[in-house]
Amino acid sequence: MPDLPVAGVIPFSATDWPGLLTATVFTQGCPLSCRYCHNPTLQAFRGGEVSFPGVLEFLDTRRGLLDGLVISGGEPTVHRGLGAAVAATRARGFPVGLHTSGYSPTRLAALLAEPTTRPDWIGLDVKGLPASTPGVVGCTPATARRMWESLDVVTAAGVEVQVRTTVWPGSLLERQLPELRARVRDAGHELVVQYARGVDADGHHRVA
């Protein structure tokens, strides 16, 4: 059975896959530390709270009610069990959506290359222009460049994708939106812009 550390499950969501009603699982563990992250408890790498076989059993009880399953994070592509989880879900007749920052273009390409592990839809979160990304998510410049390769990977694969980014008012990211939109448009996509909520001028969540 798939070995995917699941930190939690939303049984019904109308917002995680545009136009569809899904269940959404959140994988435990993320190599990034986005300053606006609203759920930092998902960053640590440790075992999940929910078994993925249990998720599959839940899906079986929701046939006819759900359109699919979204696998979010954390960052799902860091987990070796992701492909098996996608395959097991699709084998049960449920389409799979994947939320990813594009952290691992190699693993993403491998998923898309096999019919059994290929997600039906991808929500690709670009974190900013390559030069700006390290200051936002705490990664190296090399990692930032690698994450951008994932845009080329999903474009070449022809999978349905939504490319989105998160900014906050007055930020460098907000000022760079015209350039970011143009770069995403050159790849054949329209950029969806999300504004971080409850953050200060530097993008950090305000302390209550």
C-alpha atoms as a PDB file:
ATOM      1  CA  MET A   1       0.000   0.000   0.000  1.00  0.00           C
ATOM      2  CA  PRO A   2       1.168   3.587  -0.595  1.00  0.00           C
ATOM      3  CA  ASP A   3       3.459   5.028   2.079  1.00  0.00           C
ATOM      4  CA  LEU A   4       2.598   8.724   2.095  1.00  0.00           C
ATOM      5  CA  PRO A   5       2.722  10.700   5.380  1.00  0.00           C
ATOM      6  CA  VAL A   6      -0.644  12.469   5.641  1.00  0.00           C
ATOM      7  CA  ALA A   7      -0.951  15.157   8.308  1.00  0.00           C
ATOM      8  CA  GLY A   8      -4.650  15.793   7.805  1.00  0.00           C
ATOM      9  CA  VAL A   9      -7.683  15.501   5.556  1.00  0.00           C
ATOM     10  CA  ILE A  10     -10.406  17.916   4.466  1.00  0.00           C
ATOM     11  CA  PRO A  11     -13.369  15.648   3.627  1.00  0.00           C
ATOM     12  CA  PHE A  12     -15.061  18.147   1.300  1.00  0.00           C
ATOM     13  CA  SER A  13     -13.472  21.103  -0.483  1.00  0.00           C
ATOM     14  CA  ALA A  14     -14.790  23.282  -3.287  1.00  0.00           C
ATOM     15  CA  THR A  15     -11.653  25.434  -3.517  1.00  0.00           C
ATOM     16  CA  ASP A  16      -8.672  23.122  -4.007  1.00  0.00           C
ATOM     17  CA  TRP A  17      -9.412  22.051  -7.607  1.00  0.00           C
ATOM     18  CA  PRO A  18     -11.288  24.699  -9.622  1.00  0.00           C
ATOM     19  CA  GLY A  19     -14.777  23.551 -10.530  1.00  0.00           C
ATOM     20  CA  LEU A  20     -14.628  20.260  -8.647  1.00  0.00           C
ATOM     21  CA  LEU A  21     -15.655  18.999  -5.219  1.00  0.00           C
ATOM     22  CA  THR A  22     -12.792  17.065  -3.687  1.00  0.00           C
ATOM     23  CA  ALA A  23     -11.329  15.568  -0.596  1.00  0.00           C
ATOM     24  CA  THR A  24      -7.922  17.086   0.127  1.00  0.00           C
ATOM     25  CA  VAL A  25      -5.012  15.504   1.977  1.00  0.00           C
ATOM     26  CA  PHE A  26      -2.022  17.414   3.331  1.00  0.00           C
ATOM     27  CA  THR A  27       1.322  15.648   3.300  1.00  0.00           C
ATOM     28  CA  GLN A  28       3.695  16.151   6.211  1.00  0.00           C
ATOM     29  CA  GLY A  29       7.044  17.710   5.404  1.00  0.00           C
ATOM     30  CA  CYS A  30       8.268  20.629   3.310  1.00  0.00           C
ATOM     31  CA  PRO A  31      11.845  21.691   2.481  1.00  0.00           C
ATOM     32  CA  LEU A  32      10.750  25.325   2.054  1.00  0.00           C
ATOM     33  CA  SER A  33       9.947  27.894   4.730  1.00  0.00           C
ATOM     34  CA  CYS A  34       7.760  30.410   2.914  1.00  0.00           C
ATOM     35  CA  ARG A  35       7.519  33.532   5.060  1.00  0.00           C
ATOM     36  CA  TYR A  36       3.733  33.727   4.542  1.00  0.00           C
ATOM     37  CA  CYS A  37       3.138  30.013   5.244  1.00  0.00           C
ATOM     38  CA  HIS A  38      -0.178  29.717   7.086  1.00  0.00           C
ATOM     39  CA  ASN A  39       0.461  26.176   8.314  1.00  0.00           C
ATOM     40  CA  PRO A  40       4.119  25.890   9.414  1.00  0.00           C
ATOM     41  CA  THR A  41       3.369  22.705  11.380  1.00  0.00           C
ATOM     42  CA  LEU A  42       3.445  20.912   8.013  1.00  0.00           C
ATOM     43  CA  GLN A  43       7.101  21.830   7.428  1.00  0.00           C
ATOM     44  CA  ALA A  44       8.702  19.289   9.781  1.00  0.00           C
ATOM     45  CA  PHE A  45       9.520  15.883   8.339  1.00  0.00           C
ATOM     46  CA  ARG A  46       7.886  13.264  10.505  1.00  0.00           C
ATOM     47  CA  GLY A  47       5.256  10.565  10.291  1.00  0.00           C
ATOM     48  CA  GLY A  48       1.732  11.425   9.297  1.00  0.00           C
ATOM     49  CA  GLU A  49      -1.350  11.412  11.487  1.00  0.00           C
ATOM     50  CA  VAL A  50      -3.521   9.596   8.924  1.00  0.00           C
ATOM     51  CA  SER A  51      -2.712   6.465   6.934  1.00  0.00           C
ATOM     52  CA  PHE A  52      -3.112   6.743   3.189  1.00  0.00           C
ATOM     53  CA  PRO A  53      -4.931   3.392   3.065  1.00  0.00           C
ATOM     54  CA  GLY A  54      -7.411   5.021   5.433  1.00  0.00           C
ATOM     55  CA  VAL A  55      -7.806   7.874   2.937  1.00  0.00           C
ATOM     56  CA  LEU A  56      -8.601   5.359   0.202  1.00  0.00           C
ATOM     57  CA  GLU A  57     -11.204   3.703   2.407  1.00  0.00           C
ATOM     58  CA  PHE A  58     -12.781   7.099   3.024  1.00  0.00           C
ATOM     59  CA  LEU A  59     -12.933   7.781  -0.713  1.00  0.00           C
ATOM     60  CA  ASP A  60     -14.784   4.494  -1.218  1.00  0.00           C
ATOM     61  CA  THR A  61     -17.539   5.785   1.081  1.00  0.00           C
ATOM     62  CA  ARG A  62     -17.890   9.009  -0.932  1.00  0.00           C
ATOM     63  CA  ARG A  63     -18.453   7.620  -4.415  1.00  0.00           C
ATOM     64  CA  GLY A  64     -20.881   9.816  -6.296  1.00  0.00           C
ATOM     65  CA  LEU A  65     -20.271  12.690  -3.874  1.00  0.00           C
ATOM     66  CA  LEU A  66     -16.671  13.619  -4.667  1.00  0.00           C
ATOM     67  CA  ASP A  67     -15.111  14.439  -8.027  1.00  0.00           C
ATOM     68  CA  GLY A  68     -11.584  13.550  -6.985  1.00  0.00           C
ATOM     69  CA  LEU A  69      -8.746  13.771  -4.482  1.00  0.00           C
ATOM     70  CA  VAL A  70      -6.262  16.611  -4.135  1.00  0.00           C
ATOM     71  CA  ILE A  71      -2.843  15.850  -2.665  1.00  0.00           C
ATOM     72  CA  SER A  72      -1.397  19.011  -1.135  1.00  0.00           C
ATOM     73  CA  GLY A  73       1.256  19.787   1.426  1.00  0.00           C
ATOM     74  CA  GLY A  74       3.709  20.462   2.755  1.00  0.00           C
ATOM     75  CA  GLU A  75       5.385  19.509  -0.488  1.00  0.00           C
ATOM     76  CA  PRO A  76       4.118  16.191  -1.889  1.00  0.00           C
ATOM     77  CA  THR A  77       6.890  15.676  -4.447  1.00  0.00           C
ATOM     78  CA  VAL A  78       9.532  15.106  -1.775  1.00  0.00           C
ATOM     79  CA  HIS A  79       7.880  11.818  -0.814  1.00  0.00           C
ATOM     80  CA  ARG A  80       8.810   8.610  -2.629  1.00  0.00           C
ATOM     81  CA  GLY A  81       5.357   7.195  -1.974  1.00  0.00           C
ATOM     82  CA  LEU A  82       3.593   9.897  -3.994  1.00  0.00           C
ATOM     83  CA  GLY A  83       3.490   7.925  -7.245  1.00  0.00           C
ATOM     84  CA  ALA A  84       2.028   4.873  -5.544  1.00  0.00           C
ATOM     85  CA  ALA A  85      -0.562   7.070  -3.828  1.00  0.00           C
ATOM     86  CA  VAL A  86      -1.628   8.632  -7.127  1.00  0.00           C
ATOM     87  CA  ALA A  87      -1.804   5.227  -8.800  1.00  0.00           C
ATOM     88  CA  ALA A  88      -3.828   3.681  -5.982  1.00  0.00           C
ATOM     89  CA  THR A  89      -6.291   6.573  -6.004  1.00  0.00           C
ATOM     90  CA  ARG A  90      -6.761   6.508  -9.754  1.00  0.00           C
ATOM     91  CA  ALA A  91      -7.142   2.711  -9.678  1.00  0.00           C
ATOM     92  CA  ARG A  92     -10.188   3.270  -7.470  1.00  0.00           C
ATOM     93  CA  GLY A  93     -11.671   5.530 -10.118  1.00  0.00           C
ATOM     94  CA  PHE A  94     -10.925   8.910  -8.535  1.00  0.00           C
ATOM     95  CA  PRO A  95      -9.069  11.614 -10.498  1.00  0.00           C
ATOM     96  CA  VAL A  96      -6.099  13.148  -8.684  1.00  0.00           C
ATOM     97  CA  GLY A  97      -5.091  16.786  -8.393  1.00  0.00           C
ATOM     98  CA  LEU A  98      -1.633  17.738  -7.125  1.00  0.00           C
ATOM     99  CA  HIS A  99      -0.521  20.939  -5.391  1.00  0.00           C
ATOM    100  CA  THR A 100       3.218  21.518  -5.695  1.00  0.00           C
ATOM    101  CA  SER A 101       5.799  24.278  -5.613  1.00  0.00           C
ATOM    102  CA  GLY A 102       7.679  22.438  -8.328  1.00  0.00           C
ATOM    103  CA  TYR A 103      10.420  21.635  -5.827  1.00  0.00           C
ATOM    104  CA  SER A 104      11.386  18.417  -7.630  1.00  0.00           C
ATOM    105  CA  PRO A 105      11.027  18.723 -11.415  1.00  0.00           C
ATOM    106  CA  THR A 106      12.679  15.332 -11.856  1.00  0.00           C
ATOM    107  CA  ARG A 107      10.124  13.541  -9.706  1.00  0.00           C
ATOM    108  CA  LEU A 108       7.317  15.574 -11.276  1.00  0.00           C
ATOM    109  CA  ALA A 109       8.455  14.521 -14.748  1.00  0.00           C
ATOM    110  CA  ALA A 110       8.567  10.884 -13.643  1.00  0.00           C
ATOM    111  CA  LEU A 111       5.003  11.084 -12.321  1.00  0.00           C
ATOM    112  CA  LEU A 112       3.760  12.609 -15.562  1.00  0.00           C
ATOM    113  CA  ALA A 113       5.571  10.078 -17.732  1.00  0.00           C
ATOM    114  CA  GLU A 114       3.576   7.093 -16.454  1.00  0.00           C
ATOM    115  CA  PRO A 115      -0.179   6.813 -17.113  1.00  0.00           C
ATOM    116  CA  THR A 116      -0.821   5.228 -13.721  1.00  0.00           C
ATOM    117  CA  THR A 117       0.958   7.959 -11.715  1.00  0.00           C
ATOM    118  CA  ARG A 118       0.062  10.959 -13.865  1.00  0.00           C
ATOM    119  CA  PRO A 119      -2.010  13.548 -11.961  1.00  0.00           C
ATOM    120  CA  ASP A 120      -5.130  14.704 -13.796  1.00  0.00           C
ATOM    121  CA  TRP A 121      -4.557  18.321 -12.762  1.00  0.00           C
ATOM    122  CA  ILE A 122      -1.731  20.275 -11.154  1.00  0.00           C
ATOM    123  CA  GLY A 123      -1.809  23.472  -9.129  1.00  0.00           C
ATOM    124  CA  LEU A 124       1.739  24.825  -9.572  1.00  0.00           C
ATOM    125  CA  ASP A 125       2.753  27.469  -7.032  1.00  0.00           C
ATOM    126  CA  VAL A 126       5.493  29.685  -8.407  1.00  0.00           C
ATOM    127  CA  LYS A 127       7.082  31.539  -5.525  1.00  0.00           C
ATOM    128  CA  GLY A 128       8.398  34.502  -7.485  1.00  0.00           C
ATOM    129  CA  LEU A 129      11.010  35.223 -10.125  1.00  0.00           C
ATOM    130  CA  PRO A 130      14.097  33.002  -9.720  1.00  0.00           C
ATOM    131  CA  ALA A 131      16.212  35.797  -8.224  1.00  0.00           C
ATOM    132  CA  SER A 132      13.513  36.704  -5.687  1.00  0.00           C
ATOM    133  CA  THR A 133      12.465  33.220  -4.622  1.00  0.00           C
ATOM    134  CA  PRO A 134      15.296  32.466  -2.142  1.00  0.00           C
ATOM    135  CA  GLY A 135      14.383  35.497  -0.014  1.00  0.00           C
ATOM    136  CA  VAL A 136      10.756  34.410   0.135  1.00  0.00           C
ATOM    137  CA  VAL A 137      11.045  30.680   0.756  1.00  0.00           C
ATOM    138  CA  GLY A 138      14.511  30.267   2.264  1.00  0.00           C
ATOM    139  CA  CYS A 139      15.985  28.154  -0.516  1.00  0.00           C
ATOM    140  CA  THR A 140      19.247  28.370  -2.454  1.00  0.00           C
ATOM    141  CA  PRO A 141      19.466  30.103  -5.849  1.00  0.00           C
ATOM    142  CA  ALA A 142      20.048  26.682  -7.449  1.00  0.00           C
ATOM    143  CA  THR A 143      16.844  25.341  -5.887  1.00  0.00           C
ATOM    144  CA  ALA A 144      14.938  28.403  -7.101  1.00  0.00           C
ATOM    145  CA  ARG A 145      16.106  27.796 -10.664  1.00  0.00           C
ATOM    146  CA  ARG A 146      15.209  24.119 -10.394  1.00  0.00           C
ATOM    147  CA  MET A 147      11.699  24.945  -9.196  1.00  0.00           C
ATOM    148  CA  TRP A 148      11.172  27.059 -12.308  1.00  0.00           C
ATOM    149  CA  GLU A 149      12.084  24.056 -14.455  1.00  0.00           C
ATOM    150  CA  SER A 150       8.843  22.474 -13.268  1.00  0.00           C
ATOM    151  CA  LEU A 151       6.859  25.013 -15.290  1.00  0.00           C
ATOM    152  CA  ASP A 152       8.532  23.671 -18.424  1.00  0.00           C
ATOM    153  CA  VAL A 153       7.906  20.100 -17.264  1.00  0.00           C
ATOM    154  CA  VAL A 154       4.144  20.499 -16.802  1.00  0.00           C
ATOM    155  CA  THR A 155       3.837  22.546 -19.996  1.00  0.00           C
ATOM    156  CA  ALA A 156       5.608  19.900 -22.077  1.00  0.00           C
ATOM    157  CA  ALA A 157       3.482  17.149 -20.532  1.00  0.00           C
ATOM    158  CA  GLY A 158       0.251  18.830 -21.590  1.00  0.00           C
ATOM    159  CA  VAL A 159      -1.390  18.194 -18.223  1.00  0.00           C
ATOM    160  CA  GLU A 160      -4.143  20.559 -17.089  1.00  0.00           C
ATOM    161  CA  VAL A 161      -2.481  23.087 -14.812  1.00  0.00           C
ATOM    162  CA  GLN A 162      -3.221  26.230 -12.856  1.00  0.00           C
ATOM    163  CA  VAL A 163      -0.165  28.404 -12.244  1.00  0.00           C
ATOM    164  CA  ARG A 164      -0.507  30.653  -9.225  1.00  0.00           C
ATOM    165  CA  THR A 165       1.584  32.791  -6.909  1.00  0.00           C
ATOM    166  CA  THR A 166       1.143  34.398  -3.495  1.00  0.00           C
ATOM    167  CA  VAL A 167       2.038  38.018  -2.755  1.00  0.00           C
ATOM    168  CA  TRP A 168       1.250  40.593  -0.089  1.00  0.00           C
ATOM    169  CA  PRO A 169       0.579  44.341  -0.456  1.00  0.00           C
ATOM    170  CA  GLY A 170       3.664  46.479  -0.976  1.00  0.00           C
ATOM    171  CA  SER A 171       6.001  43.510  -1.408  1.00  0.00           C
ATOM    172  CA  LEU A 172       8.723  43.105  -4.013  1.00  0.00           C
ATOM    173  CA  LEU A 173       6.720  40.172  -5.329  1.00  0.00           C
ATOM    174  CA  GLU A 174       3.717  42.413  -5.919  1.00  0.00           C
ATOM    175  CA  ARG A 175       5.881  44.930  -7.803  1.00  0.00           C
ATOM    176  CA  GLN A 176       7.288  42.138  -9.963  1.00  0.00           C
ATOM    177  CA  LEU A 177       3.862  40.811 -10.951  1.00  0.00           C
ATOM    178  CA  PRO A 178       3.944  42.249 -14.497  1.00  0.00           C
ATOM    179  CA  GLU A 179       7.211  40.447 -15.235  1.00  0.00           C
ATOM    180  CA  LEU A 180       6.021  37.283 -13.523  1.00  0.00           C
ATOM    181  CA  ARG A 181       2.761  37.297 -15.486  1.00  0.00           C
ATOM    182  CA  ALA A 182       4.672  37.774 -18.728  1.00  0.00           C
ATOM    183  CA  ARG A 183       7.017  34.890 -17.998  1.00  0.00           C
ATOM    184  CA  VAL A 184       4.142  32.559 -17.157  1.00  0.00           C
ATOM    185  CA  ARG A 185       2.211  33.732 -20.231  1.00  0.00           C
ATOM    186  CA  ASP A 186       5.233  32.957 -22.413  1.00  0.00           C
ATOM    187  CA  ALA A 187       4.922  29.369 -21.193  1.00  0.00           C
ATOM    188  CA  GLY A 188       1.280  29.312 -22.298  1.00  0.00           C
ATOM    189  CA  HIS A 189      -0.495  29.894 -18.988  1.00  0.00           C
ATOM    190  CA  GLU A 190      -2.284  32.669 -17.147  1.00  0.00           C
ATOM    191  CA  LEU A 191      -1.087  33.493 -13.652  1.00  0.00           C
ATOM    192  CA  VAL A 192      -3.557  33.370 -10.779  1.00  0.00           C
ATOM    193  CA  VAL A 193      -2.574  35.801  -8.011  1.00  0.00           C
ATOM    194  CA  GLN A 194      -3.419  35.079  -4.378  1.00  0.00           C
ATOM    195  CA  TYR A 195      -2.915  37.610  -1.581  1.00  0.00           C
ATOM    196  CA  ALA A 196      -1.598  36.327   1.725  1.00  0.00           C
ATOM    197  CA  ARG A 197      -3.931  37.121   4.605  1.00  0.00           C
ATOM    198  CA  GLY A 198      -3.042  38.263   8.098  1.00  0.00           C
ATOM    199  CA  VAL A 199       0.575  39.137   7.308  1.00  0.00           C
ATOM    200  CA  ASP A 200       2.669  42.178   8.168  1.00  0.00           C
ATOM    201  CA  ALA A 201       4.581  44.409   5.762  1.00  0.00           C
ATOM    202  CA  ASP A 202       7.331  41.783   5.472  1.00  0.00           C
ATOM    203  CA  GLY A 203       4.897  38.957   4.729  1.00  0.00           C
ATOM    204  CA  HIS A 204       5.140  37.295   8.135  1.00  0.00           C
ATOM    205  CA  HIS A 205       1.948  36.311   9.932  1.00  0.00           C
ATOM    206  CA  ARG A 206       1.031  38.791  12.622  1.00  0.00           C
ATOM    207  CA  VAL A 207       1.206  37.552  16.187  1.00  0.00           C
ATOM    208  CA  ALA A 208      -2.269  37.658  17.763  1.00  0.00           C
END
